[in-house]
Protein backbone atom coordinates (compact mmCIF):
# COMPACT_ATOMS: atom_id res chain seq x y z
CA MET A 1 0.75 -62.62 23.46
CA PRO A 2 -1.33 -64.33 20.75
CA GLN A 3 0.51 -66.90 18.65
CA SER A 4 -0.21 -64.86 15.51
CA PHE A 5 1.89 -62.03 16.92
CA TYR A 6 4.91 -64.28 17.31
CA GLY A 7 4.32 -65.62 13.81
CA SER A 8 4.22 -62.12 12.34
CA GLN A 9 7.36 -61.14 14.26
CA ARG A 10 9.20 -64.22 12.99
CA ASN A 11 8.09 -63.50 9.43
CA TYR A 12 9.22 -59.88 9.75
CA ARG A 13 12.68 -60.88 11.02
CA ARG A 14 12.89 -63.54 8.32
CA ARG A 15 12.13 -61.01 5.57
CA GLN A 16 14.77 -58.68 6.95
CA ASN A 17 17.36 -61.47 7.04
CA ILE A 18 16.54 -62.39 3.45
CA LYS A 19 16.94 -58.75 2.42
CA ARG A 20 20.32 -58.55 4.17
CA ILE A 21 21.48 -61.67 2.29
CA LEU A 22 20.26 -60.22 -1.02
CA VAL A 23 22.16 -57.00 -0.34
CA ILE A 24 25.37 -58.95 0.33
CA ILE A 25 24.96 -61.14 -2.77
CA ALA A 26 24.29 -58.18 -5.04
CA ALA A 27 27.16 -56.16 -3.57
CA VAL A 28 29.64 -58.99 -4.08
CA ALA A 29 28.37 -59.67 -7.59
CA VAL A 30 28.86 -56.10 -8.84
CA GLY A 31 31.76 -55.12 -6.56
CA THR A 32 34.45 -56.16 -9.03
CA GLY A 33 32.46 -54.35 -11.70
CA ILE A 34 32.67 -51.10 -9.75
CA PHE A 35 36.43 -51.57 -9.44
CA ALA A 36 36.72 -52.06 -13.21
CA LEU A 37 34.60 -49.00 -13.89
CA TYR A 38 36.65 -46.94 -11.45
CA ASN A 39 39.86 -47.83 -13.26
CA GLY A 40 38.37 -47.38 -16.71
CA LYS A 41 37.89 -44.31 -18.83
CA GLY A 42 34.96 -41.98 -18.28
CA GLY A 43 33.86 -38.39 -18.18
CA ALA A 44 33.71 -38.13 -14.40
CA GLY A 45 36.72 -36.50 -12.76
CA ARG A 46 39.29 -38.71 -11.08
CA VAL A 47 38.67 -37.17 -7.65
CA GLN A 48 34.91 -37.67 -7.90
CA LYS A 49 35.45 -41.26 -9.04
CA ARG A 50 37.72 -41.94 -6.08
CA HIS A 51 35.16 -40.60 -3.60
CA ILE A 52 32.42 -42.68 -5.18
CA TYR A 53 34.57 -45.81 -5.19
CA GLU A 54 35.58 -45.32 -1.55
CA ALA A 55 31.93 -44.92 -0.57
CA TRP A 56 31.09 -48.15 -2.41
CA GLN A 57 33.92 -49.99 -0.68
CA ALA A 58 32.50 -48.79 2.65
CA ALA A 59 29.05 -50.11 1.60
CA ASP A 60 27.70 -46.55 1.95
CA TYR A 61 25.27 -46.94 -0.93
CA ALA A 62 23.23 -43.88 0.04
CA ARG A 63 26.35 -41.72 -0.36
CA VAL A 64 27.23 -43.43 -3.64
CA TYR A 65 23.74 -42.71 -4.92
CA THR A 66 23.86 -39.08 -3.79
CA LEU A 67 27.33 -38.44 -5.24
CA THR A 68 26.56 -40.04 -8.59
CA SER A 69 23.18 -38.30 -8.84
CA THR A 70 24.88 -34.94 -8.30
CA GLU A 71 27.61 -35.68 -10.83
CA LEU A 72 25.06 -36.87 -13.40
CA GLU A 73 23.60 -33.36 -13.43
CA LYS A 74 26.93 -32.24 -14.91
CA SER A 75 27.68 -35.34 -17.01
CA PRO A 76 24.33 -37.02 -17.78
CA VAL A 77 25.70 -39.65 -20.17
CA ASP A 78 28.83 -40.67 -18.25
CA PHE A 79 28.89 -44.47 -18.24
CA PHE A 80 30.69 -44.81 -14.90
CA LEU A 81 28.23 -42.49 -13.17
CA LEU A 82 25.15 -44.09 -14.71
CA ALA A 83 26.24 -47.64 -13.97
CA THR A 84 27.34 -46.90 -10.41
CA ASN A 85 24.19 -44.88 -9.76
CA GLY A 86 22.06 -47.79 -10.98
CA PHE A 87 23.94 -50.35 -8.90
CA ALA A 88 23.66 -48.19 -5.78
CA ALA A 89 19.94 -47.60 -6.37
CA TYR A 90 19.41 -51.36 -6.54
CA GLN A 91 21.26 -51.89 -3.26
CA LEU A 92 19.10 -49.24 -1.61
CA ALA A 93 15.91 -50.70 -3.10
CA ILE A 94 16.30 -54.18 -1.65
CA ALA A 95 17.25 -52.75 1.74
CA GLN A 96 13.97 -50.84 2.09
CA ILE A 97 11.04 -51.91 4.27
CA ASN A 98 8.53 -49.56 2.66
CA ALA A 99 7.24 -50.88 -0.68
CA GLU A 100 6.92 -47.41 -2.19
CA GLU A 101 10.53 -46.59 -1.37
CA THR A 102 11.63 -49.92 -2.81
CA GLN A 103 9.88 -49.16 -6.09
CA ARG A 104 11.27 -45.63 -6.17
CA TYR A 105 14.82 -46.92 -6.03
CA ILE A 106 14.05 -49.76 -8.44
CA ASP A 107 12.76 -47.22 -10.97
CA ALA A 108 15.89 -45.11 -10.45
CA CYS A 109 18.04 -48.20 -10.98
CA ILE A 110 16.28 -49.09 -14.23
CA TRP A 111 16.41 -45.48 -15.46
CA SER A 112 20.18 -45.28 -15.00
CA LEU A 113 21.08 -48.74 -16.26
CA ARG A 114 18.88 -48.51 -19.35
CA LYS A 115 20.70 -45.28 -20.20
CA THR A 116 24.06 -47.08 -20.00
CA GLN A 117 22.93 -49.22 -22.90
CA LEU A 118 22.88 -46.17 -25.12
CA ARG A 119 26.66 -46.13 -24.68
CA LYS A 120 29.04 -48.50 -26.41
CA GLU A 121 30.38 -49.72 -23.06
CA GLY A 122 26.95 -50.73 -21.82
CA LYS A 123 25.55 -52.63 -24.79
CA ASN A 124 27.20 -55.93 -23.88
CA ASP A 125 27.94 -55.41 -20.20
CA ALA A 126 26.83 -58.52 -18.29
CA ARG A 127 26.92 -56.63 -14.97
CA VAL A 128 24.30 -54.22 -16.25
CA SER A 129 22.15 -57.06 -17.64
CA TYR A 130 22.33 -58.93 -14.34
CA VAL A 131 21.21 -56.03 -12.16
CA LEU A 132 18.56 -54.92 -14.66
CA GLY A 133 17.13 -58.44 -14.70
CA LYS A 134 16.81 -58.48 -10.94
CA ALA A 135 15.40 -54.96 -10.86
CA TYR A 136 12.64 -55.87 -13.31
CA TYR A 137 11.82 -58.92 -11.17
CA TYR A 138 10.95 -56.56 -8.33
CA LYS A 139 8.64 -54.61 -10.66
CA GLY A 140 6.27 -57.56 -10.60
CA LEU A 141 4.45 -59.83 -13.03
CA PRO A 142 4.01 -57.35 -15.95
CA PHE A 143 7.81 -57.06 -16.15
CA MET A 144 8.81 -60.72 -15.82
CA ASP A 145 9.52 -61.03 -19.54
CA LEU A 146 12.06 -58.19 -19.30
CA SER A 147 13.57 -59.74 -16.20
CA ILE A 148 14.04 -63.02 -18.08
CA GLU A 149 15.49 -61.21 -21.11
CA TYR A 150 18.21 -59.48 -19.12
CA LEU A 151 18.96 -62.42 -16.82
CA GLU A 152 19.32 -64.72 -19.83
CA GLU A 153 21.71 -62.18 -21.35
CA ALA A 154 23.82 -62.29 -18.19
CA ARG A 155 23.74 -66.10 -18.13
CA ALA A 156 24.69 -66.32 -21.82
CA ALA A 157 27.68 -64.10 -21.07
CA ASP A 158 28.72 -66.53 -18.29
CA TYR A 159 28.36 -63.85 -15.67
CA GLY A 160 29.42 -65.38 -12.38
CA ALA A 161 26.52 -64.41 -10.09
CA SER A 162 25.27 -67.42 -8.14
CA ASP A 163 21.60 -66.42 -8.03
CA ILE A 164 20.83 -65.91 -11.74
CA ASP A 165 19.17 -69.29 -12.17
CA GLU A 166 17.17 -68.92 -8.98
CA TYR A 167 15.67 -65.67 -10.25
CA LEU A 168 15.10 -67.18 -13.70
CA GLY A 169 13.26 -70.09 -12.09
CA LEU A 170 11.00 -67.73 -10.19
CA CYS A 171 10.37 -65.57 -13.26
CA TYR A 172 9.47 -68.49 -15.52
CA ALA A 173 7.20 -69.90 -12.81
CA ALA A 174 5.44 -66.53 -12.50
CA LEU A 175 4.72 -66.69 -16.24
CA LYS A 176 3.57 -70.33 -15.85
CA ASP A 177 6.41 -71.57 -18.05
CA TYR A 178 7.08 -74.45 -15.70
CA GLU A 179 9.42 -76.41 -17.99
CA ASN A 180 11.90 -73.53 -18.16
CA SER A 181 11.31 -72.87 -14.47
CA VAL A 182 12.33 -76.41 -13.52
CA ALA A 183 15.33 -76.24 -15.89
CA ALA A 184 16.54 -73.02 -14.26
CA PHE A 185 15.98 -74.30 -10.72
CA SER A 186 17.82 -77.52 -11.58
CA ARG A 187 20.85 -75.53 -12.69
CA ALA A 188 20.72 -73.56 -9.46
CA LEU A 189 20.61 -76.55 -7.13
CA LYS A 190 23.84 -77.74 -5.55
CA PRO A 191 23.95 -81.34 -4.28
CA VAL A 192 24.93 -81.96 -0.68
CA GLY A 193 26.33 -85.46 -0.34
CA ASN A 194 23.90 -87.01 -2.82
CA GLU A 195 21.13 -85.88 -5.18
CA GLU A 196 18.39 -86.45 -2.60
CA ARG A 197 19.90 -83.96 -0.15
CA LEU A 198 19.88 -80.67 -1.99
CA SER A 199 20.83 -77.28 -0.64
CA GLY A 200 18.51 -74.32 -0.86
CA SER A 201 16.11 -72.37 1.30
CA ASP A 202 12.66 -73.70 2.16
CA ILE A 203 11.07 -71.06 -0.09
CA PHE A 204 13.37 -72.03 -2.97
CA LEU A 205 12.63 -75.76 -2.59
CA LEU A 206 8.90 -75.07 -2.36
CA ALA A 207 9.06 -73.04 -5.58
CA ILE A 208 10.64 -76.03 -7.35
CA ALA A 209 7.94 -78.30 -5.94
CA ARG A 210 5.23 -75.98 -7.27
CA SER A 211 6.75 -76.01 -10.78
CA TYR A 212 6.92 -79.81 -10.83
CA PHE A 213 3.35 -79.99 -9.51
CA HIS A 214 2.06 -77.80 -12.34
CA LEU A 215 3.90 -80.00 -14.84
CA GLY A 216 2.05 -83.01 -13.42
CA GLU A 217 5.28 -84.58 -12.16
CA LEU A 218 4.08 -85.47 -8.70
CA SER A 219 6.99 -87.59 -7.53
CA PRO A 220 9.63 -84.81 -7.68
CA ALA A 221 7.00 -82.33 -6.46
CA LYS A 222 6.51 -84.48 -3.36
CA ALA A 223 10.26 -84.89 -2.86
CA TYR A 224 10.95 -81.15 -2.91
CA SER A 225 7.90 -80.39 -0.74
CA THR A 226 9.12 -82.95 1.79
CA ARG A 227 12.60 -81.40 1.81
CA ALA A 228 11.05 -77.95 2.35
CA LEU A 229 9.05 -79.36 5.27
CA GLU A 230 12.17 -80.86 6.81
CA ILE A 231 14.07 -77.59 6.98
CA SER A 232 11.34 -74.93 7.27
CA ARG A 233 10.48 -73.14 10.48
CA ASP A 234 7.97 -70.85 8.82
CA TYR A 235 4.31 -71.71 9.40
CA LYS A 236 3.06 -70.49 6.01
CA THR A 237 5.74 -72.40 4.13
CA VAL A 238 4.95 -75.58 6.07
CA VAL A 239 1.23 -75.24 5.29
CA SER A 240 1.94 -74.59 1.61
CA ALA A 241 4.26 -77.59 1.39
């Protein structure tokens, strides 16, 4: 087989692994939120809530989405249903391979979560801000400002998701605001042993290097590029570094 085939196969598997990790991170981050919503007040019946919660606990996000979508036809402004529907739509979006399906679920997520903000419960809910911020990131460059707005809201509320600053760094970099990009990435980095051995994926480290490069700070740009080279097994990332 040509080498390019193996490269494309590796990249495909890599993308799928990244998506699986994103699904796990997002599920953990909002899981306690679903539990709180389940035990809170809301217009949805107790039996329906229990079925939805059990489906979430089983990571059956397609069933959660279907159940909440059906119940929203009866109770279109129920906060529990809207929030859970939006969270499930996000989980389904980042698990898709087809770009059109991803965007369909992302749009559904945004539709539901924006509606929660019309309710008193949703106006200052950091869980909603966090997922909305990530959803807008997947809408692309024209929506990066909204992604930043909601992610900054979640960060200001001290929401405990570990990937907020990583997404903020990527968003600021996309808008060529490299100072804020570096600041966000710096908050996201976790030292391993000493400051010169930093954790993070090759793509993450390369993104930091790019931001420093555009700021004209070549020494840290070289350091992060070198670290990305040391750990990367992806041809494109190695070439970029």
